[in-house]
Amino acid sequence: MDINKKNSLPDISKDFLSAYIQQKLIEDNFDWIKSFVKDGKLIGGGKIKPKGCKKTYDIVFEYNPNKEGRKENIFVMDGKIKFKKVPHLYNNHSLCLYHPFDLSPFIPFNFVDVVPWISKWLVTYELWLKYGVWLDKEFKH
């Protein structure tokens, strides 16, 4: 057996367990989300209509525990959203739910903790559509 072959031994430097743990936590707490794990990433989505919103939104996400920096990308799949004008989106049109400086580098951060913030973002988005002002904390992009 050639141990130098790319696929001969698993890459133990990568975290393949965290995505499964987050999937279990999400399944136990958010029945609107369906997800699966592929290549160590948690991928999923669902339909959500937060209390206070007029619309139901399709959400898709990818959580990669092996990625540096922000490990999740969460997207609203809505052809009516004019993404270039909406505040609090990253350049790839994923939701900006928090500022990384708001998080402690010493406390573990779980993807399941971010899920409720999707509802908050959607409510704030609908209020922004109505009033033209982002009615929540913000960090200018």
C-alpha atoms as a PDB file:
ATOM      1  CA  MET A   1       0.000   0.000   0.000  1.00  0.00           C
ATOM      2  CA  ASP A   2       1.395   3.382  -0.999  1.00  0.00           C
ATOM      3  CA  ILE A   3       0.688   5.833   1.849  1.00  0.00           C
ATOM      4  CA  ASN A   4       1.583   8.743  -0.409  1.00  0.00           C
ATOM      5  CA  LYS A   5      -1.496   8.244  -2.597  1.00  0.00           C
ATOM      6  CA  LYS A   6      -4.039  11.005  -2.208  1.00  0.00           C
ATOM      7  CA  ASN A   7      -6.914   8.764  -1.096  1.00  0.00           C
ATOM      8  CA  SER A   8      -5.063   6.079   0.814  1.00  0.00           C
ATOM      9  CA  LEU A   9      -5.549   7.612   4.283  1.00  0.00           C
ATOM     10  CA  PRO A  10      -8.173  10.026   5.551  1.00  0.00           C
ATOM     11  CA  ASP A  11      -7.093  13.610   6.062  1.00  0.00           C
ATOM     12  CA  ILE A  12      -7.128  13.797   9.860  1.00  0.00           C
ATOM     13  CA  SER A  13      -6.395  17.521   9.761  1.00  0.00           C
ATOM     14  CA  LYS A  14      -9.994  18.129   8.624  1.00  0.00           C
ATOM     15  CA  ASP A  15     -13.009  18.165  10.910  1.00  0.00           C
ATOM     16  CA  PHE A  16     -15.597  15.739   9.542  1.00  0.00           C
ATOM     17  CA  LEU A  17     -17.621  15.410  12.752  1.00  0.00           C
ATOM     18  CA  SER A  18     -18.799  19.008  13.360  1.00  0.00           C
ATOM     19  CA  ALA A  19     -21.145  19.065  10.372  1.00  0.00           C
ATOM     20  CA  TYR A  20     -22.917  15.936  11.650  1.00  0.00           C
ATOM     21  CA  ILE A  21     -23.229  17.413  15.142  1.00  0.00           C
ATOM     22  CA  GLN A  22     -24.712  20.641  13.752  1.00  0.00           C
ATOM     23  CA  GLN A  23     -27.076  18.620  11.559  1.00  0.00           C
ATOM     24  CA  LYS A  24     -28.395  16.745  14.589  1.00  0.00           C
ATOM     25  CA  LEU A  25     -28.838  19.980  16.560  1.00  0.00           C
ATOM     26  CA  ILE A  26     -30.706  21.573  13.657  1.00  0.00           C
ATOM     27  CA  GLU A  27     -32.938  18.511  13.177  1.00  0.00           C
ATOM     28  CA  ASP A  28     -33.817  18.603  16.876  1.00  0.00           C
ATOM     29  CA  ASN A  29     -34.651  22.330  16.916  1.00  0.00           C
ATOM     30  CA  PHE A  30     -35.805  23.488  13.467  1.00  0.00           C
ATOM     31  CA  ASP A  31     -38.347  21.292  11.702  1.00  0.00           C
ATOM     32  CA  TRP A  32     -38.450  23.574   8.652  1.00  0.00           C
ATOM     33  CA  ILE A  33     -34.855  22.711   7.678  1.00  0.00           C
ATOM     34  CA  LYS A  34     -33.804  19.645   5.706  1.00  0.00           C
ATOM     35  CA  SER A  35     -30.075  18.990   5.465  1.00  0.00           C
ATOM     36  CA  PHE A  36     -27.358  16.515   4.554  1.00  0.00           C
ATOM     37  CA  VAL A  37     -23.608  16.251   5.029  1.00  0.00           C
ATOM     38  CA  LYS A  38     -21.268  15.966   2.062  1.00  0.00           C
ATOM     39  CA  ASP A  39     -17.466  16.175   2.138  1.00  0.00           C
ATOM     40  CA  GLY A  40     -17.556  17.450   5.719  1.00  0.00           C
ATOM     41  CA  LYS A  41     -19.978  20.286   4.872  1.00  0.00           C
ATOM     42  CA  LEU A  42     -23.540  20.677   6.100  1.00  0.00           C
ATOM     43  CA  ILE A  43     -25.827  21.642   3.223  1.00  0.00           C
ATOM     44  CA  GLY A  44     -29.520  22.329   3.497  1.00  0.00           C
ATOM     45  CA  GLY A  45     -32.433  24.681   3.448  1.00  0.00           C
ATOM     46  CA  GLY A  46     -36.149  25.049   3.691  1.00  0.00           C
ATOM     47  CA  LYS A  47     -39.090  27.406   3.643  1.00  0.00           C
ATOM     48  CA  ILE A  48     -39.583  29.869   6.471  1.00  0.00           C
ATOM     49  CA  LYS A  49     -42.158  32.537   7.237  1.00  0.00           C
ATOM     50  CA  PRO A  50     -40.989  34.313  10.392  1.00  0.00           C
ATOM     51  CA  LYS A  51     -43.561  35.884  12.685  1.00  0.00           C
ATOM     52  CA  GLY A  52     -43.897  39.464  11.472  1.00  0.00           C
ATOM     53  CA  CYS A  53     -43.122  38.674   7.821  1.00  0.00           C
ATOM     54  CA  LYS A  54     -45.636  38.852   5.010  1.00  0.00           C
ATOM     55  CA  LYS A  55     -43.792  36.370   2.781  1.00  0.00           C
ATOM     56  CA  THR A  56     -42.488  32.840   2.969  1.00  0.00           C
ATOM     57  CA  TYR A  57     -38.834  32.602   1.974  1.00  0.00           C
ATOM     58  CA  ASP A  58     -36.749  29.778   0.526  1.00  0.00           C
ATOM     59  CA  ILE A  59     -33.430  29.536   2.357  1.00  0.00           C
ATOM     60  CA  VAL A  60     -30.387  27.477   1.381  1.00  0.00           C
ATOM     61  CA  PHE A  61     -27.126  27.236   3.274  1.00  0.00           C
ATOM     62  CA  GLU A  62     -23.709  25.658   3.453  1.00  0.00           C
ATOM     63  CA  TYR A  63     -21.760  25.300   6.681  1.00  0.00           C
ATOM     64  CA  ASN A  64     -18.110  24.311   6.341  1.00  0.00           C
ATOM     65  CA  PRO A  65     -16.356  23.805   9.696  1.00  0.00           C
ATOM     66  CA  ASN A  66     -12.998  23.565   7.895  1.00  0.00           C
ATOM     67  CA  LYS A  67     -13.250  27.005   6.296  1.00  0.00           C
ATOM     68  CA  GLU A  68     -11.230  29.896   7.704  1.00  0.00           C
ATOM     69  CA  GLY A  69     -13.226  32.846   8.996  1.00  0.00           C
ATOM     70  CA  ARG A  70     -16.961  32.813   8.436  1.00  0.00           C
ATOM     71  CA  LYS A  71     -17.928  29.173   8.086  1.00  0.00           C
ATOM     72  CA  GLU A  72     -21.479  29.569   6.816  1.00  0.00           C
ATOM     73  CA  ASN A  73     -23.123  30.984   3.731  1.00  0.00           C
ATOM     74  CA  ILE A  74     -26.889  31.464   3.949  1.00  0.00           C
ATOM     75  CA  PHE A  75     -28.878  32.558   0.928  1.00  0.00           C
ATOM     76  CA  VAL A  76     -32.444  33.744   0.322  1.00  0.00           C
ATOM     77  CA  MET A  77     -33.652  32.294  -2.955  1.00  0.00           C
ATOM     78  CA  ASP A  78     -35.995  35.038  -4.126  1.00  0.00           C
ATOM     79  CA  GLY A  79     -35.892  36.457  -7.626  1.00  0.00           C
ATOM     80  CA  LYS A  80     -37.628  39.652  -6.467  1.00  0.00           C
ATOM     81  CA  ILE A  81     -34.811  40.724  -4.140  1.00  0.00           C
ATOM     82  CA  LYS A  82     -32.607  43.332  -5.793  1.00  0.00           C
ATOM     83  CA  PHE A  83     -29.393  42.119  -4.192  1.00  0.00           C
ATOM     84  CA  LYS A  84     -27.195  45.052  -5.162  1.00  0.00           C
ATOM     85  CA  LYS A  85     -29.440  47.412  -3.187  1.00  0.00           C
ATOM     86  CA  VAL A  86     -30.149  45.318  -0.074  1.00  0.00           C
ATOM     87  CA  PRO A  87     -27.985  46.125   2.943  1.00  0.00           C
ATOM     88  CA  HIS A  88     -26.371  43.410   5.018  1.00  0.00           C
ATOM     89  CA  LEU A  89     -25.436  41.008   2.281  1.00  0.00           C
ATOM     90  CA  TYR A  90     -21.931  39.854   1.508  1.00  0.00           C
ATOM     91  CA  ASN A  91     -20.560  40.165  -2.028  1.00  0.00           C
ATOM     92  CA  ASN A  92     -21.715  36.614  -2.831  1.00  0.00           C
ATOM     93  CA  HIS A  93     -25.290  37.636  -1.777  1.00  0.00           C
ATOM     94  CA  SER A  94     -25.212  35.558   1.408  1.00  0.00           C
ATOM     95  CA  LEU A  95     -26.864  37.024   4.489  1.00  0.00           C
ATOM     96  CA  CYS A  96     -24.817  39.155   6.873  1.00  0.00           C
ATOM     97  CA  LEU A  97     -26.233  38.011  10.196  1.00  0.00           C
ATOM     98  CA  TYR A  98     -23.454  39.205  12.503  1.00  0.00           C
ATOM     99  CA  HIS A  99     -20.135  40.972  12.476  1.00  0.00           C
ATOM    100  CA  PRO A 100     -17.221  38.593  13.114  1.00  0.00           C
ATOM    101  CA  PHE A 101     -15.781  41.057  15.655  1.00  0.00           C
ATOM    102  CA  ASP A 102     -18.944  40.548  17.740  1.00  0.00           C
ATOM    103  CA  LEU A 103     -17.933  36.939  18.356  1.00  0.00           C
ATOM    104  CA  SER A 104     -15.411  35.793  20.909  1.00  0.00           C
ATOM    105  CA  PRO A 105     -12.410  33.916  19.520  1.00  0.00           C
ATOM    106  CA  PHE A 106     -12.398  31.929  22.773  1.00  0.00           C
ATOM    107  CA  ILE A 107     -15.966  30.624  22.800  1.00  0.00           C
ATOM    108  CA  PRO A 108     -16.993  27.936  20.297  1.00  0.00           C
ATOM    109  CA  PHE A 109     -19.499  29.175  17.744  1.00  0.00           C
ATOM    110  CA  ASN A 110     -22.140  26.735  16.523  1.00  0.00           C
ATOM    111  CA  PHE A 111     -23.989  27.014  13.247  1.00  0.00           C
ATOM    112  CA  VAL A 112     -27.236  26.081  15.011  1.00  0.00           C
ATOM    113  CA  ASP A 113     -26.921  29.358  16.964  1.00  0.00           C
ATOM    114  CA  VAL A 114     -27.101  31.330  13.696  1.00  0.00           C
ATOM    115  CA  VAL A 115     -30.380  29.816  12.475  1.00  0.00           C
ATOM    116  CA  PRO A 116     -32.705  32.079  14.561  1.00  0.00           C
ATOM    117  CA  TRP A 117     -30.860  35.094  13.192  1.00  0.00           C
ATOM    118  CA  ILE A 118     -32.210  34.232   9.717  1.00  0.00           C
ATOM    119  CA  SER A 119     -35.717  35.120  10.930  1.00  0.00           C
ATOM    120  CA  LYS A 120     -34.478  38.341  12.471  1.00  0.00           C
ATOM    121  CA  TRP A 121     -32.736  39.291   9.209  1.00  0.00           C
ATOM    122  CA  LEU A 122     -35.905  38.591   7.184  1.00  0.00           C
ATOM    123  CA  VAL A 123     -38.124  40.669   9.489  1.00  0.00           C
ATOM    124  CA  THR A 124     -35.603  43.517   9.379  1.00  0.00           C
ATOM    125  CA  TYR A 125     -35.426  43.177   5.580  1.00  0.00           C
ATOM    126  CA  GLU A 126     -39.205  43.562   5.228  1.00  0.00           C
ATOM    127  CA  LEU A 127     -39.131  46.593   7.533  1.00  0.00           C
ATOM    128  CA  TRP A 128     -36.301  48.041   5.411  1.00  0.00           C
ATOM    129  CA  LEU A 129     -38.487  47.585   2.312  1.00  0.00           C
ATOM    130  CA  LYS A 130     -41.290  49.468   4.057  1.00  0.00           C
ATOM    131  CA  TYR A 131     -39.308  52.299   5.709  1.00  0.00           C
ATOM    132  CA  GLY A 132     -36.026  52.466   3.784  1.00  0.00           C
ATOM    133  CA  VAL A 133     -33.961  52.208   6.986  1.00  0.00           C
ATOM    134  CA  TRP A 134     -32.235  49.127   8.422  1.00  0.00           C
ATOM    135  CA  LEU A 135     -33.820  48.964  11.892  1.00  0.00           C
ATOM    136  CA  ASP A 136     -31.154  46.872  13.588  1.00  0.00           C
ATOM    137  CA  LYS A 137     -27.494  47.107  14.507  1.00  0.00           C
ATOM    138  CA  GLU A 138     -25.392  47.444  11.420  1.00  0.00           C
ATOM    139  CA  PHE A 139     -21.875  47.503  10.172  1.00  0.00           C
ATOM    140  CA  LYS A 140     -21.570  49.324   6.858  1.00  0.00           C
ATOM    141  CA  HIS A 141     -20.451  47.067   3.989  1.00  0.00           C
END
